[in-house]
Amino acid sequence: MRFLVVDDSPTMRRILCNTLNEIGYDDLDEAEDGAQAWTKLTSDKFDFLITDWNMPNMNGLELTKTVRGDSNLGEMPILMVTTRGMKDDVLAAMQAKVSNYVVKPFTAEILRQKIDMVLENI
């Protein structure tokens, strides 16, 4: 399973990639914002998208809506991993059709559970 990890923080991308490795996923690529992620998503093959919300150029919510509106990528699992934990933020992400939502900081076990929940519903 190939993951695209999208976050404008190089440190957070490293944390996410290291955590994914720890829980058994090692086919990973990274993007620093939604615009770069969209370029990668439309030119390469990915099975799962993990994205932050707050990023320049194209934020995670815009990226989610763009992916959901695409006939080829619309069904891709999307996990939003963000510091935005307010009820309205979670609702906005769910309305944009993220597959699941994780509030930072998180543990490897929480990330594993959220990914497993998404994969069970495919």
N, C-alpha and C. Protein backbone atom coordinates (compact mmCIF):
# COMPACT_ATOMS: atom_id res chain seq x y z
N MET A 1 0.84 -1.17 0.00
CA MET A 1 0.00 0.00 0.00
C MET A 1 0.89 1.24 0.00
N ARG A 2 0.64 2.14 -0.94
CA ARG A 2 1.48 3.33 -1.10
C ARG A 2 0.79 4.56 -0.52
N PHE A 3 1.48 5.23 0.39
CA PHE A 3 0.96 6.40 1.08
C PHE A 3 1.60 7.67 0.54
N LEU A 4 0.81 8.74 0.46
CA LEU A 4 1.33 10.09 0.24
C LEU A 4 1.06 10.88 1.52
N VAL A 5 2.14 11.38 2.13
CA VAL A 5 2.07 12.13 3.39
C VAL A 5 2.27 13.60 3.05
N VAL A 6 1.28 14.43 3.41
CA VAL A 6 1.29 15.84 3.04
C VAL A 6 1.25 16.71 4.29
N ASP A 7 2.30 17.49 4.49
CA ASP A 7 2.37 18.42 5.62
C ASP A 7 3.43 19.45 5.28
N ASP A 8 3.19 20.71 5.62
CA ASP A 8 4.18 21.74 5.32
C ASP A 8 5.35 21.73 6.29
N SER A 9 5.24 20.98 7.37
CA SER A 9 6.33 20.86 8.33
C SER A 9 7.18 19.63 8.01
N PRO A 10 8.46 19.83 7.66
CA PRO A 10 9.33 18.67 7.42
C PRO A 10 9.43 17.76 8.65
N THR A 11 9.40 18.34 9.83
CA THR A 11 9.46 17.55 11.07
C THR A 11 8.23 16.66 11.19
N MET A 12 7.05 17.21 10.93
CA MET A 12 5.82 16.41 11.04
C MET A 12 5.78 15.34 9.96
N ARG A 13 6.25 15.65 8.75
CA ARG A 13 6.31 14.60 7.71
C ARG A 13 7.22 13.47 8.16
N ARG A 14 8.36 13.80 8.77
CA ARG A 14 9.29 12.77 9.25
C ARG A 14 8.63 11.94 10.36
N ILE A 15 7.92 12.61 11.27
CA ILE A 15 7.24 11.89 12.36
C ILE A 15 6.20 10.94 11.77
N LEU A 16 5.41 11.44 10.84
CA LEU A 16 4.38 10.59 10.23
C LEU A 16 5.00 9.41 9.49
N CYS A 17 6.03 9.68 8.70
CA CYS A 17 6.68 8.58 7.95
C CYS A 17 7.32 7.57 8.89
N ASN A 18 7.98 8.04 9.94
CA ASN A 18 8.58 7.12 10.91
C ASN A 18 7.51 6.29 11.61
N THR A 19 6.38 6.93 11.94
CA THR A 19 5.29 6.20 12.59
C THR A 19 4.67 5.18 11.64
N LEU A 20 4.49 5.56 10.39
CA LEU A 20 3.97 4.60 9.40
C LEU A 20 4.92 3.42 9.26
N ASN A 21 6.22 3.67 9.22
CA ASN A 21 7.20 2.58 9.17
C ASN A 21 7.06 1.68 10.39
N GLU A 22 6.90 2.29 11.55
CA GLU A 22 6.78 1.55 12.80
C GLU A 22 5.58 0.61 12.80
N ILE A 23 4.49 1.03 12.15
CA ILE A 23 3.29 0.19 12.15
C ILE A 23 3.17 -0.67 10.90
N GLY A 24 4.25 -0.69 10.09
CA GLY A 24 4.31 -1.67 9.01
C GLY A 24 4.13 -1.15 7.60
N TYR A 25 4.08 0.15 7.42
CA TYR A 25 3.94 0.70 6.07
C TYR A 25 5.24 1.38 5.67
N ASP A 26 5.79 0.99 4.51
CA ASP A 26 7.07 1.56 4.13
C ASP A 26 7.12 2.09 2.69
N ASP A 27 6.02 2.02 1.97
CA ASP A 27 5.97 2.57 0.62
C ASP A 27 5.36 3.97 0.72
N LEU A 28 6.23 4.97 0.92
CA LEU A 28 5.78 6.32 1.27
C LEU A 28 6.40 7.36 0.35
N ASP A 29 5.64 8.41 0.11
CA ASP A 29 6.17 9.60 -0.55
C ASP A 29 5.63 10.79 0.22
N GLU A 30 6.24 11.96 -0.01
CA GLU A 30 5.87 13.15 0.75
C GLU A 30 5.61 14.32 -0.18
N ALA A 31 4.77 15.24 0.32
CA ALA A 31 4.53 16.52 -0.35
C ALA A 31 4.43 17.59 0.73
N GLU A 32 4.86 18.81 0.38
CA GLU A 32 4.91 19.86 1.39
C GLU A 32 3.67 20.75 1.43
N ASP A 33 2.77 20.57 0.48
CA ASP A 33 1.49 21.29 0.52
C ASP A 33 0.52 20.58 -0.43
N GLY A 34 -0.72 21.06 -0.42
CA GLY A 34 -1.74 20.43 -1.24
C GLY A 34 -1.48 20.53 -2.73
N ALA A 35 -0.89 21.64 -3.16
CA ALA A 35 -0.61 21.81 -4.59
C ALA A 35 0.42 20.78 -5.06
N GLN A 36 1.48 20.61 -4.29
CA GLN A 36 2.50 19.61 -4.65
C GLN A 36 1.89 18.20 -4.56
N ALA A 37 1.04 17.98 -3.56
CA ALA A 37 0.38 16.67 -3.42
C ALA A 37 -0.50 16.38 -4.64
N TRP A 38 -1.25 17.38 -5.08
CA TRP A 38 -2.13 17.17 -6.23
C TRP A 38 -1.33 16.80 -7.47
N THR A 39 -0.19 17.47 -7.68
CA THR A 39 0.68 17.13 -8.81
C THR A 39 1.12 15.67 -8.72
N LYS A 40 1.53 15.24 -7.51
CA LYS A 40 1.98 13.85 -7.34
C LYS A 40 0.83 12.87 -7.52
N LEU A 41 -0.34 13.21 -6.97
CA LEU A 41 -1.50 12.31 -7.07
C LEU A 41 -1.94 12.09 -8.51
N THR A 42 -1.79 13.12 -9.33
CA THR A 42 -2.24 13.00 -10.73
C THR A 42 -1.17 12.47 -11.66
N SER A 43 0.05 12.29 -11.16
CA SER A 43 1.11 11.80 -12.03
C SER A 43 1.69 10.46 -11.57
N ASP A 44 1.24 9.97 -10.42
CA ASP A 44 1.77 8.72 -9.86
C ASP A 44 0.62 7.96 -9.21
N LYS A 45 0.88 6.76 -8.74
CA LYS A 45 -0.17 5.93 -8.15
C LYS A 45 0.00 5.87 -6.64
N PHE A 46 -1.04 6.24 -5.92
CA PHE A 46 -1.07 6.16 -4.46
C PHE A 46 -2.35 5.48 -4.03
N ASP A 47 -2.29 4.81 -2.87
CA ASP A 47 -3.45 4.09 -2.35
C ASP A 47 -4.10 4.80 -1.17
N PHE A 48 -3.36 5.70 -0.53
CA PHE A 48 -3.84 6.30 0.72
C PHE A 48 -3.21 7.68 0.86
N LEU A 49 -4.01 8.68 1.24
CA LEU A 49 -3.54 10.04 1.42
C LEU A 49 -3.66 10.43 2.89
N ILE A 50 -2.57 10.91 3.45
CA ILE A 50 -2.58 11.47 4.80
C ILE A 50 -2.21 12.94 4.66
N THR A 51 -3.09 13.83 5.11
CA THR A 51 -2.84 15.25 4.91
C THR A 51 -3.10 16.08 6.15
N ASP A 52 -2.29 17.11 6.31
CA ASP A 52 -2.51 18.15 7.29
C ASP A 52 -3.61 19.07 6.75
N TRP A 53 -4.14 19.93 7.60
CA TRP A 53 -5.13 20.91 7.15
C TRP A 53 -4.44 22.21 6.78
N ASN A 54 -3.69 22.78 7.74
CA ASN A 54 -3.11 24.11 7.58
C ASN A 54 -1.80 24.07 6.79
N MET A 55 -1.89 24.45 5.51
CA MET A 55 -0.72 24.48 4.64
C MET A 55 -0.88 25.62 3.64
N PRO A 56 0.24 26.15 3.12
CA PRO A 56 0.14 27.18 2.09
C PRO A 56 -0.25 26.57 0.73
N ASN A 57 -0.54 27.44 -0.21
CA ASN A 57 -0.83 27.11 -1.61
C ASN A 57 -2.16 26.37 -1.79
N MET A 58 -2.32 25.21 -1.18
CA MET A 58 -3.60 24.49 -1.17
C MET A 58 -3.65 23.77 0.17
N ASN A 59 -4.63 24.13 1.01
CA ASN A 59 -4.69 23.48 2.32
C ASN A 59 -5.31 22.08 2.21
N GLY A 60 -5.30 21.36 3.31
CA GLY A 60 -5.77 19.98 3.31
C GLY A 60 -7.24 19.83 3.01
N LEU A 61 -8.05 20.80 3.43
CA LEU A 61 -9.48 20.74 3.13
C LEU A 61 -9.70 20.94 1.63
N GLU A 62 -8.99 21.89 1.03
CA GLU A 62 -9.09 22.10 -0.41
C GLU A 62 -8.58 20.88 -1.17
N LEU A 63 -7.50 20.28 -0.70
CA LEU A 63 -6.97 19.07 -1.33
C LEU A 63 -7.99 17.94 -1.27
N THR A 64 -8.61 17.77 -0.12
CA THR A 64 -9.63 16.73 0.04
C THR A 64 -10.77 16.94 -0.95
N LYS A 65 -11.26 18.15 -1.04
CA LYS A 65 -12.36 18.44 -1.96
C LYS A 65 -11.94 18.21 -3.41
N THR A 66 -10.71 18.56 -3.74
CA THR A 66 -10.21 18.35 -5.10
C THR A 66 -10.13 16.86 -5.42
N VAL A 67 -9.59 16.08 -4.48
CA VAL A 67 -9.49 14.63 -4.68
C VAL A 67 -10.89 14.02 -4.81
N ARG A 68 -11.79 14.40 -3.92
CA ARG A 68 -13.16 13.84 -3.96
C ARG A 68 -13.89 14.19 -5.25
N GLY A 69 -13.54 15.31 -5.86
CA GLY A 69 -14.19 15.71 -7.09
C GLY A 69 -13.59 15.11 -8.35
N ASP A 70 -12.53 14.34 -8.20
CA ASP A 70 -11.85 13.75 -9.35
C ASP A 70 -12.39 12.34 -9.61
N SER A 71 -12.71 12.06 -10.87
CA SER A 71 -13.31 10.75 -11.19
C SER A 71 -12.34 9.59 -10.98
N ASN A 72 -11.05 9.81 -11.10
CA ASN A 72 -10.08 8.73 -10.91
C ASN A 72 -9.66 8.54 -9.46
N LEU A 73 -9.63 9.62 -8.69
CA LEU A 73 -9.10 9.57 -7.32
C LEU A 73 -10.18 9.69 -6.24
N GLY A 74 -11.40 9.92 -6.63
CA GLY A 74 -12.47 10.25 -5.69
C GLY A 74 -12.70 9.28 -4.55
N GLU A 75 -12.35 8.03 -4.74
CA GLU A 75 -12.57 7.01 -3.70
C GLU A 75 -11.35 6.76 -2.82
N MET A 76 -10.26 7.48 -3.07
CA MET A 76 -9.03 7.27 -2.30
C MET A 76 -9.26 7.54 -0.81
N PRO A 77 -8.77 6.65 0.06
CA PRO A 77 -8.86 6.92 1.50
C PRO A 77 -8.04 8.16 1.86
N ILE A 78 -8.65 9.04 2.67
CA ILE A 78 -7.98 10.27 3.11
C ILE A 78 -8.08 10.37 4.63
N LEU A 79 -6.92 10.45 5.27
CA LEU A 79 -6.85 10.65 6.71
C LEU A 79 -6.32 12.06 6.96
N MET A 80 -7.12 12.88 7.63
CA MET A 80 -6.70 14.23 7.99
C MET A 80 -6.01 14.15 9.35
N VAL A 81 -4.76 14.63 9.40
CA VAL A 81 -3.99 14.65 10.65
C VAL A 81 -3.63 16.11 10.90
N THR A 82 -4.25 16.72 11.93
CA THR A 82 -4.16 18.15 12.10
C THR A 82 -4.25 18.56 13.56
N THR A 83 -3.86 19.80 13.83
CA THR A 83 -4.01 20.35 15.18
C THR A 83 -5.42 20.89 15.39
N ARG A 84 -6.19 20.98 14.32
CA ARG A 84 -7.54 21.56 14.40
C ARG A 84 -8.50 20.54 14.98
N GLY A 85 -8.82 20.71 16.26
CA GLY A 85 -9.65 19.73 16.94
C GLY A 85 -11.01 20.23 17.35
N MET A 86 -11.36 21.46 16.96
CA MET A 86 -12.68 22.00 17.31
C MET A 86 -13.77 21.25 16.56
N LYS A 87 -14.94 21.16 17.17
CA LYS A 87 -16.06 20.44 16.59
C LYS A 87 -16.38 20.92 15.17
N ASP A 88 -16.37 22.24 14.96
CA ASP A 88 -16.69 22.78 13.63
C ASP A 88 -15.66 22.35 12.59
N ASP A 89 -14.38 22.24 13.00
CA ASP A 89 -13.34 21.79 12.08
C ASP A 89 -13.55 20.34 11.68
N VAL A 90 -13.85 19.51 12.67
CA VAL A 90 -14.09 18.08 12.38
C VAL A 90 -15.30 17.94 11.45
N LEU A 91 -16.35 18.70 11.73
CA LEU A 91 -17.54 18.65 10.87
C LEU A 91 -17.23 19.09 9.45
N ALA A 92 -16.45 20.17 9.30
CA ALA A 92 -16.08 20.64 7.96
C ALA A 92 -15.28 19.57 7.21
N ALA A 93 -14.37 18.91 7.90
CA ALA A 93 -13.57 17.85 7.27
C ALA A 93 -14.46 16.68 6.87
N MET A 94 -15.39 16.31 7.74
CA MET A 94 -16.29 15.20 7.42
C MET A 94 -17.21 15.56 6.25
N GLN A 95 -17.65 16.81 6.19
CA GLN A 95 -18.48 17.25 5.07
C GLN A 95 -17.69 17.22 3.77
N ALA A 96 -16.38 17.45 3.85
CA ALA A 96 -15.51 17.36 2.67
C ALA A 96 -15.21 15.90 2.33
N LYS A 97 -15.65 15.00 3.18
CA LYS A 97 -15.56 13.54 2.97
C LYS A 97 -14.17 12.97 3.24
N VAL A 98 -13.48 13.48 4.29
CA VAL A 98 -12.29 12.76 4.72
C VAL A 98 -12.75 11.40 5.23
N SER A 99 -11.89 10.42 5.15
CA SER A 99 -12.25 9.07 5.60
C SER A 99 -12.16 8.95 7.11
N ASN A 100 -11.22 9.69 7.72
CA ASN A 100 -11.09 9.72 9.17
C ASN A 100 -10.26 10.93 9.55
N TYR A 101 -10.14 11.18 10.86
CA TYR A 101 -9.58 12.44 11.36
C TYR A 101 -8.76 12.14 12.61
N VAL A 102 -7.53 12.68 12.67
CA VAL A 102 -6.66 12.51 13.84
C VAL A 102 -6.20 13.90 14.27
N VAL A 103 -6.30 14.15 15.57
CA VAL A 103 -5.82 15.42 16.10
C VAL A 103 -4.41 15.21 16.65
N LYS A 104 -3.49 16.11 16.25
CA LYS A 104 -2.11 16.08 16.75
C LYS A 104 -2.12 16.60 18.18
N PRO A 105 -1.27 16.10 19.05
CA PRO A 105 -0.33 15.00 18.83
C PRO A 105 -1.06 13.66 18.86
N PHE A 106 -0.44 12.64 18.31
CA PHE A 106 -1.04 11.32 18.23
C PHE A 106 0.02 10.28 18.56
N THR A 107 -0.44 9.07 18.84
CA THR A 107 0.48 7.96 19.09
C THR A 107 0.46 7.03 17.88
N ALA A 108 1.43 6.15 17.80
CA ALA A 108 1.46 5.16 16.73
C ALA A 108 0.20 4.30 16.77
N GLU A 109 -0.25 3.96 17.96
CA GLU A 109 -1.45 3.12 18.09
C GLU A 109 -2.69 3.84 17.56
N ILE A 110 -2.83 5.12 17.85
CA ILE A 110 -3.97 5.87 17.33
C ILE A 110 -3.92 5.93 15.81
N LEU A 111 -2.75 6.19 15.26
CA LEU A 111 -2.61 6.23 13.80
C LEU A 111 -2.96 4.88 13.19
N ARG A 112 -2.47 3.81 13.79
CA ARG A 112 -2.79 2.46 13.30
C ARG A 112 -4.30 2.21 13.35
N GLN A 113 -4.93 2.55 14.46
CA GLN A 113 -6.38 2.33 14.59
C GLN A 113 -7.16 3.10 13.55
N LYS A 114 -6.79 4.35 13.32
CA LYS A 114 -7.51 5.18 12.35
C LYS A 114 -7.33 4.64 10.93
N ILE A 115 -6.12 4.24 10.58
CA ILE A 115 -5.87 3.66 9.25
C ILE A 115 -6.64 2.36 9.10
N ASP A 116 -6.60 1.51 10.13
CA ASP A 116 -7.33 0.23 10.07
C ASP A 116 -8.83 0.47 9.90
N MET A 117 -9.37 1.46 10.61
CA MET A 117 -10.81 1.77 10.48
C MET A 117 -11.14 2.20 9.05
N VAL A 118 -10.29 3.00 8.46
CA VAL A 118 -10.52 3.44 7.07
C VAL A 118 -10.47 2.25 6.13
N LEU A 119 -9.46 1.40 6.29
CA LEU A 119 -9.29 0.27 5.39
C LEU A 119 -10.41 -0.75 5.52
N GLU A 120 -10.99 -0.88 6.71
CA GLU A 120 -12.11 -1.80 6.91
C GLU A 120 -13.34 -1.35 6.16
N ASN A 121 -13.45 -0.05 5.91
CA ASN A 121 -14.64 0.50 5.28
C ASN A 121 -14.53 0.69 3.78
N ILE A 122 -13.45 0.17 3.20
CA ILE A 122 -13.28 0.30 1.74
C ILE A 122 -14.08 -0.79 1.04
